[in-house]
N, C-alpha and C. Protein backbone atom coordinates (compact mmCIF):
# COMPACT_ATOMS: atom_id res chain seq x y z
N MET A 1 52.48 -68.66 -27.77
CA MET A 1 52.61 -67.31 -27.18
C MET A 1 52.71 -67.39 -25.85
N GLY A 2 51.74 -68.44 -25.13
CA GLY A 2 51.76 -68.70 -23.98
C GLY A 2 50.80 -67.74 -22.99
N MET A 3 50.39 -67.76 -21.92
CA MET A 3 49.91 -66.98 -21.20
C MET A 3 50.48 -65.53 -20.88
N VAL A 4 49.77 -64.44 -21.32
CA VAL A 4 50.38 -63.23 -21.10
C VAL A 4 49.49 -61.98 -20.64
N ASN A 5 49.85 -61.07 -20.06
CA ASN A 5 49.27 -59.95 -19.39
C ASN A 5 49.02 -59.16 -20.35
N VAL A 6 47.61 -58.38 -20.22
CA VAL A 6 46.90 -57.21 -21.23
C VAL A 6 48.07 -56.05 -21.03
N LEU A 7 48.94 -56.03 -19.96
CA LEU A 7 50.20 -54.77 -20.11
C LEU A 7 51.09 -55.54 -21.35
N ASP A 8 51.67 -56.58 -21.44
CA ASP A 8 52.54 -57.29 -21.95
C ASP A 8 52.03 -57.10 -23.62
N VAL A 9 50.64 -57.22 -23.89
CA VAL A 9 50.34 -57.32 -25.28
C VAL A 9 50.53 -55.66 -25.77
N GLU A 10 50.29 -54.52 -25.13
CA GLU A 10 50.38 -53.48 -25.62
C GLU A 10 51.84 -53.37 -25.71
N GLU A 11 52.67 -53.72 -24.94
CA GLU A 11 54.44 -53.73 -25.07
C GLU A 11 54.96 -54.02 -26.27
N VAL A 12 54.46 -55.44 -26.66
CA VAL A 12 55.19 -56.26 -27.70
C VAL A 12 54.42 -55.72 -28.90
N GLY A 13 53.29 -55.15 -29.10
CA GLY A 13 52.83 -54.68 -30.08
C GLY A 13 51.86 -55.94 -30.94
N PRO A 14 51.54 -55.79 -32.28
CA PRO A 14 50.83 -56.72 -32.81
C PRO A 14 51.78 -57.69 -33.45
N GLU A 15 53.27 -57.39 -33.81
CA GLU A 15 53.98 -58.61 -34.69
C GLU A 15 53.94 -59.62 -33.90
N PRO A 16 54.00 -60.09 -32.73
CA PRO A 16 53.98 -61.56 -32.22
C PRO A 16 52.60 -62.18 -32.44
N LEU A 17 51.53 -61.53 -32.31
CA LEU A 17 50.08 -62.05 -32.83
C LEU A 17 50.08 -62.31 -34.46
N VAL A 18 50.67 -61.39 -35.03
CA VAL A 18 51.02 -61.83 -36.61
C VAL A 18 51.90 -62.81 -36.71
N ASN A 19 53.00 -63.06 -36.45
CA ASN A 19 53.77 -64.10 -36.74
C ASN A 19 53.87 -65.28 -35.96
N GLU A 20 53.23 -65.21 -34.55
CA GLU A 20 53.14 -66.42 -34.15
C GLU A 20 52.09 -67.13 -34.04
N LEU A 21 50.75 -66.33 -34.20
CA LEU A 21 49.63 -67.05 -34.22
C LEU A 21 49.01 -66.77 -35.83
N GLY A 22 49.56 -66.12 -36.42
CA GLY A 22 49.17 -66.07 -38.05
C GLY A 22 47.90 -65.19 -37.73
N LEU A 23 47.54 -64.29 -37.06
CA LEU A 23 46.64 -63.38 -37.32
C LEU A 23 46.65 -62.49 -38.38
N GLU A 24 45.52 -61.90 -38.67
CA GLU A 24 45.69 -60.65 -39.51
C GLU A 24 45.97 -59.22 -38.69
N ARG A 25 46.76 -58.61 -39.76
CA ARG A 25 47.35 -57.50 -39.02
C ARG A 25 46.21 -56.43 -38.50
N GLY A 26 45.13 -56.37 -38.94
CA GLY A 26 44.14 -55.41 -38.70
C GLY A 26 43.66 -56.01 -37.13
N LEU A 27 43.36 -57.34 -37.11
CA LEU A 27 42.67 -57.94 -36.26
C LEU A 27 43.87 -57.61 -34.91
N ALA A 28 45.04 -57.96 -35.32
CA ALA A 28 46.01 -57.95 -34.25
C ALA A 28 46.17 -56.65 -33.65
N ARG A 29 46.08 -55.54 -34.54
CA ARG A 29 46.26 -53.91 -33.87
C ARG A 29 44.71 -53.77 -33.17
N GLN A 30 43.55 -54.39 -33.59
CA GLN A 30 42.45 -54.35 -32.53
C GLN A 30 42.69 -54.78 -31.39
N ILE A 31 43.57 -56.15 -31.43
CA ILE A 31 43.49 -56.92 -29.89
C ILE A 31 44.45 -56.00 -29.18
N VAL A 32 45.53 -55.45 -29.78
CA VAL A 32 46.25 -54.77 -28.80
C VAL A 32 45.83 -53.31 -28.30
N VAL A 33 45.04 -52.72 -29.17
CA VAL A 33 44.06 -51.29 -28.54
C VAL A 33 43.39 -51.87 -27.52
N ARG A 34 42.47 -52.97 -27.59
CA ARG A 34 41.72 -53.59 -26.66
C ARG A 34 42.30 -53.87 -25.13
N CYS A 35 43.77 -54.64 -25.46
CA CYS A 35 44.36 -54.57 -24.38
C CYS A 35 44.82 -53.29 -23.61
N ALA A 36 44.96 -52.44 -24.61
CA ALA A 36 45.77 -51.25 -23.80
C ALA A 36 44.59 -50.41 -22.80
N GLU A 37 43.31 -50.71 -23.80
CA GLU A 37 42.13 -50.14 -22.72
C GLU A 37 41.88 -50.92 -21.58
N ALA A 38 42.07 -52.42 -21.60
CA ALA A 38 41.84 -52.97 -20.29
C ALA A 38 42.90 -53.00 -19.22
N ALA A 39 44.16 -52.68 -19.90
CA ALA A 39 45.36 -52.26 -18.86
C ALA A 39 45.33 -50.96 -18.18
N LYS A 40 44.94 -49.98 -19.08
CA LYS A 40 44.31 -48.86 -18.23
C LYS A 40 43.21 -48.89 -17.28
N GLN A 41 42.31 -49.34 -17.72
CA GLN A 41 41.12 -49.69 -16.48
C GLN A 41 41.51 -50.58 -15.49
N ALA A 42 42.18 -51.56 -15.71
CA ALA A 42 43.02 -52.17 -14.56
C ALA A 42 43.95 -51.61 -13.89
N ALA A 43 44.57 -50.74 -14.39
CA ALA A 43 45.40 -49.56 -13.50
C ALA A 43 44.65 -48.95 -12.71
N ALA A 44 43.70 -48.40 -13.08
CA ALA A 44 42.56 -47.26 -12.37
C ALA A 44 42.02 -47.80 -11.59
N THR A 45 41.56 -48.97 -11.55
CA THR A 45 40.92 -50.19 -10.52
C THR A 45 41.80 -50.35 -9.42
N ARG A 46 42.82 -50.70 -9.75
CA ARG A 46 44.04 -50.99 -8.67
C ARG A 46 44.30 -49.77 -7.81
N GLN A 47 44.43 -48.64 -8.66
CA GLN A 47 44.76 -47.44 -7.75
C GLN A 47 43.67 -47.02 -6.94
N ALA A 48 42.35 -47.04 -7.47
CA ALA A 48 41.19 -46.85 -6.34
C ALA A 48 41.06 -47.77 -5.33
N THR A 49 41.42 -49.05 -5.39
CA THR A 49 41.60 -49.96 -4.55
C THR A 49 42.32 -49.68 -3.47
N GLU A 50 43.57 -49.51 -3.81
CA GLU A 50 45.06 -49.00 -2.95
C GLU A 50 44.49 -47.85 -2.23
N LYS A 51 43.84 -46.77 -2.83
CA LYS A 51 43.66 -45.68 -1.98
C LYS A 51 42.54 -45.66 -0.96
N LYS A 52 41.61 -46.78 -1.44
CA LYS A 52 40.59 -47.00 -0.38
C LYS A 52 41.06 -47.73 0.48
N LYS A 53 41.87 -48.91 0.59
CA LYS A 53 42.92 -49.59 1.62
C LYS A 53 43.42 -48.40 2.43
N SER A 54 44.13 -47.58 1.98
CA SER A 54 44.75 -46.74 2.74
C SER A 54 43.93 -45.78 3.50
N ALA A 55 42.92 -45.41 3.04
CA ALA A 55 41.85 -44.81 4.10
C ALA A 55 41.49 -45.22 5.02
N ASP A 56 41.03 -46.73 4.68
CA ASP A 56 40.31 -47.52 5.61
C ASP A 56 41.48 -47.88 7.11
N SER A 57 42.52 -47.96 6.47
CA SER A 57 43.71 -48.32 7.04
C SER A 57 43.94 -46.94 8.15
N ARG A 58 44.08 -45.91 7.76
CA ARG A 58 44.08 -44.68 8.51
C ARG A 58 43.16 -44.70 9.48
N LYS A 59 41.59 -44.74 9.01
CA LYS A 59 40.33 -44.71 9.88
C LYS A 59 40.70 -45.94 11.06
N SER A 60 41.13 -46.78 10.63
CA SER A 60 41.27 -48.05 11.71
C SER A 60 42.21 -47.93 12.82
N LYS A 61 43.47 -46.94 12.28
CA LYS A 61 44.31 -46.70 13.11
C LYS A 61 43.96 -45.33 14.35
N LYS A 62 43.16 -44.57 13.70
CA LYS A 62 42.93 -43.47 14.60
C LYS A 62 41.84 -43.75 15.67
N PRO A 63 41.98 -43.46 17.05
CA PRO A 63 41.32 -43.99 17.89
C PRO A 63 39.81 -43.22 18.03
N GLU A 64 38.87 -43.89 18.28
CA GLU A 64 37.33 -43.44 18.22
C GLU A 64 37.43 -42.40 19.51
N SER A 65 36.50 -41.36 18.83
CA SER A 65 36.62 -40.42 20.17
C SER A 65 35.28 -40.41 20.74
N SER A 66 35.43 -40.07 22.17
CA SER A 66 34.27 -40.25 23.53
C SER A 66 34.42 -38.95 24.20
N PRO A 67 33.34 -38.63 24.84
CA PRO A 67 33.21 -37.41 25.50
C PRO A 67 34.19 -37.35 26.60
N GLU A 68 34.50 -38.59 27.12
CA GLU A 68 35.57 -38.63 28.52
C GLU A 68 36.77 -38.19 27.61
N ALA A 69 37.13 -38.88 26.54
CA ALA A 69 38.59 -38.82 26.06
C ALA A 69 38.70 -37.45 25.52
N ASP A 70 37.67 -36.94 24.94
CA ASP A 70 37.80 -35.50 24.34
C ASP A 70 38.03 -34.66 25.74
N GLN A 71 37.40 -34.86 26.71
CA GLN A 71 37.45 -33.50 28.00
C GLN A 71 39.11 -33.95 28.49
N ALA A 72 39.36 -35.46 28.51
CA ALA A 72 40.78 -35.61 29.04
C ALA A 72 41.95 -34.83 28.47
N ALA A 73 41.60 -34.87 26.85
CA ALA A 73 42.70 -34.43 26.16
C ALA A 73 42.51 -32.76 26.16
N GLU A 74 41.40 -32.22 26.65
CA GLU A 74 41.27 -30.86 26.54
C GLU A 74 41.81 -30.21 28.10
N SER A 75 41.74 -31.28 29.05
CA SER A 75 42.13 -30.43 30.41
C SER A 75 43.82 -30.54 30.55
N PRO A 76 44.41 -29.80 31.05
CA PRO A 76 45.94 -29.96 31.24
C PRO A 76 45.97 -31.08 32.35
N ALA A 77 47.31 -31.91 31.86
CA ALA A 77 47.90 -33.18 33.01
C ALA A 77 48.39 -32.42 34.01
N PRO A 78 47.94 -33.11 35.19
CA PRO A 78 48.48 -32.67 36.37
C PRO A 78 50.00 -32.82 36.62
N THR A 79 50.59 -31.66 37.25
CA THR A 79 52.04 -31.64 37.15
C THR A 79 52.56 -31.90 38.85
N GLU A 80 53.74 -32.99 38.98
CA GLU A 80 54.33 -33.19 40.20
C GLU A 80 55.06 -31.90 40.77
N SER A 81 54.76 -31.64 41.90
CA SER A 81 55.73 -30.68 42.70
C SER A 81 56.68 -31.18 43.60
N ALA A 82 57.74 -30.44 43.53
CA ALA A 82 58.96 -31.31 44.52
C ALA A 82 58.78 -31.26 45.91
N GLU A 83 57.63 -30.11 46.44
CA GLU A 83 57.30 -30.31 47.68
C GLU A 83 55.91 -31.29 48.07
N PRO A 84 55.75 -32.04 49.30
CA PRO A 84 55.08 -32.80 49.53
C PRO A 84 53.62 -32.17 50.14
N GLN A 85 52.79 -32.32 49.42
CA GLN A 85 51.40 -31.55 49.76
C GLN A 85 50.69 -32.43 51.31
N ALA A 86 50.06 -31.58 51.92
CA ALA A 86 49.35 -32.29 52.86
C ALA A 86 48.31 -32.86 52.46
N PRO A 87 47.90 -34.03 53.21
CA PRO A 87 46.55 -34.44 52.83
C PRO A 87 45.41 -33.38 53.02
N ALA A 88 44.52 -33.71 52.35
CA ALA A 88 43.09 -32.77 52.27
C ALA A 88 42.67 -33.29 53.71
N ALA A 89 41.93 -32.00 54.30
CA ALA A 89 41.03 -32.28 55.50
C ALA A 89 40.30 -32.99 55.26
N PRO A 90 39.57 -34.17 56.50
CA PRO A 90 38.52 -34.62 56.15
C PRO A 90 37.31 -33.71 56.27
N ALA A 91 36.20 -33.91 55.30
CA ALA A 91 35.16 -33.09 55.42
C ALA A 91 34.36 -33.42 56.78
N GLU A 92 33.67 -32.32 57.20
CA GLU A 92 32.96 -31.76 58.09
C GLU A 92 31.66 -32.32 58.25
N THR A 93 31.33 -33.13 58.94
CA THR A 93 29.61 -33.65 58.77
C THR A 93 28.91 -33.16 59.79
N PRO A 94 27.73 -32.37 59.52
CA PRO A 94 27.33 -31.71 60.75
C PRO A 94 26.59 -32.99 61.60
N GLN A 95 26.48 -32.20 62.79
CA GLN A 95 26.01 -33.16 63.85
C GLN A 95 24.64 -32.92 63.92
N GLU A 96 23.69 -33.87 64.32
CA GLU A 96 22.17 -33.48 64.73
C GLU A 96 22.10 -33.13 66.31
N PRO A 97 21.22 -32.13 66.31
CA PRO A 97 21.23 -31.70 67.84
C PRO A 97 20.41 -32.65 68.45
């Protein structure tokens, strides 16, 4: 029979186990049932693992939030105007008497 996957055992049924290996039909049926259970468990585990990997992947792609980033995201972006703006006047410094 060679190496087989538990998924394959359910598909082919007990006949190869009886014909090729000479197992009793009752034992062959038990093997097929157990293989089907193992296949379902393996599929559920695989699905849970893929779901977790997908969630972890989405988490790692999302940039971490910081107060500065949050504030920058909330404030509107400056716009450029067509007219040049005059430079700001220097602040006056008080002179001591």
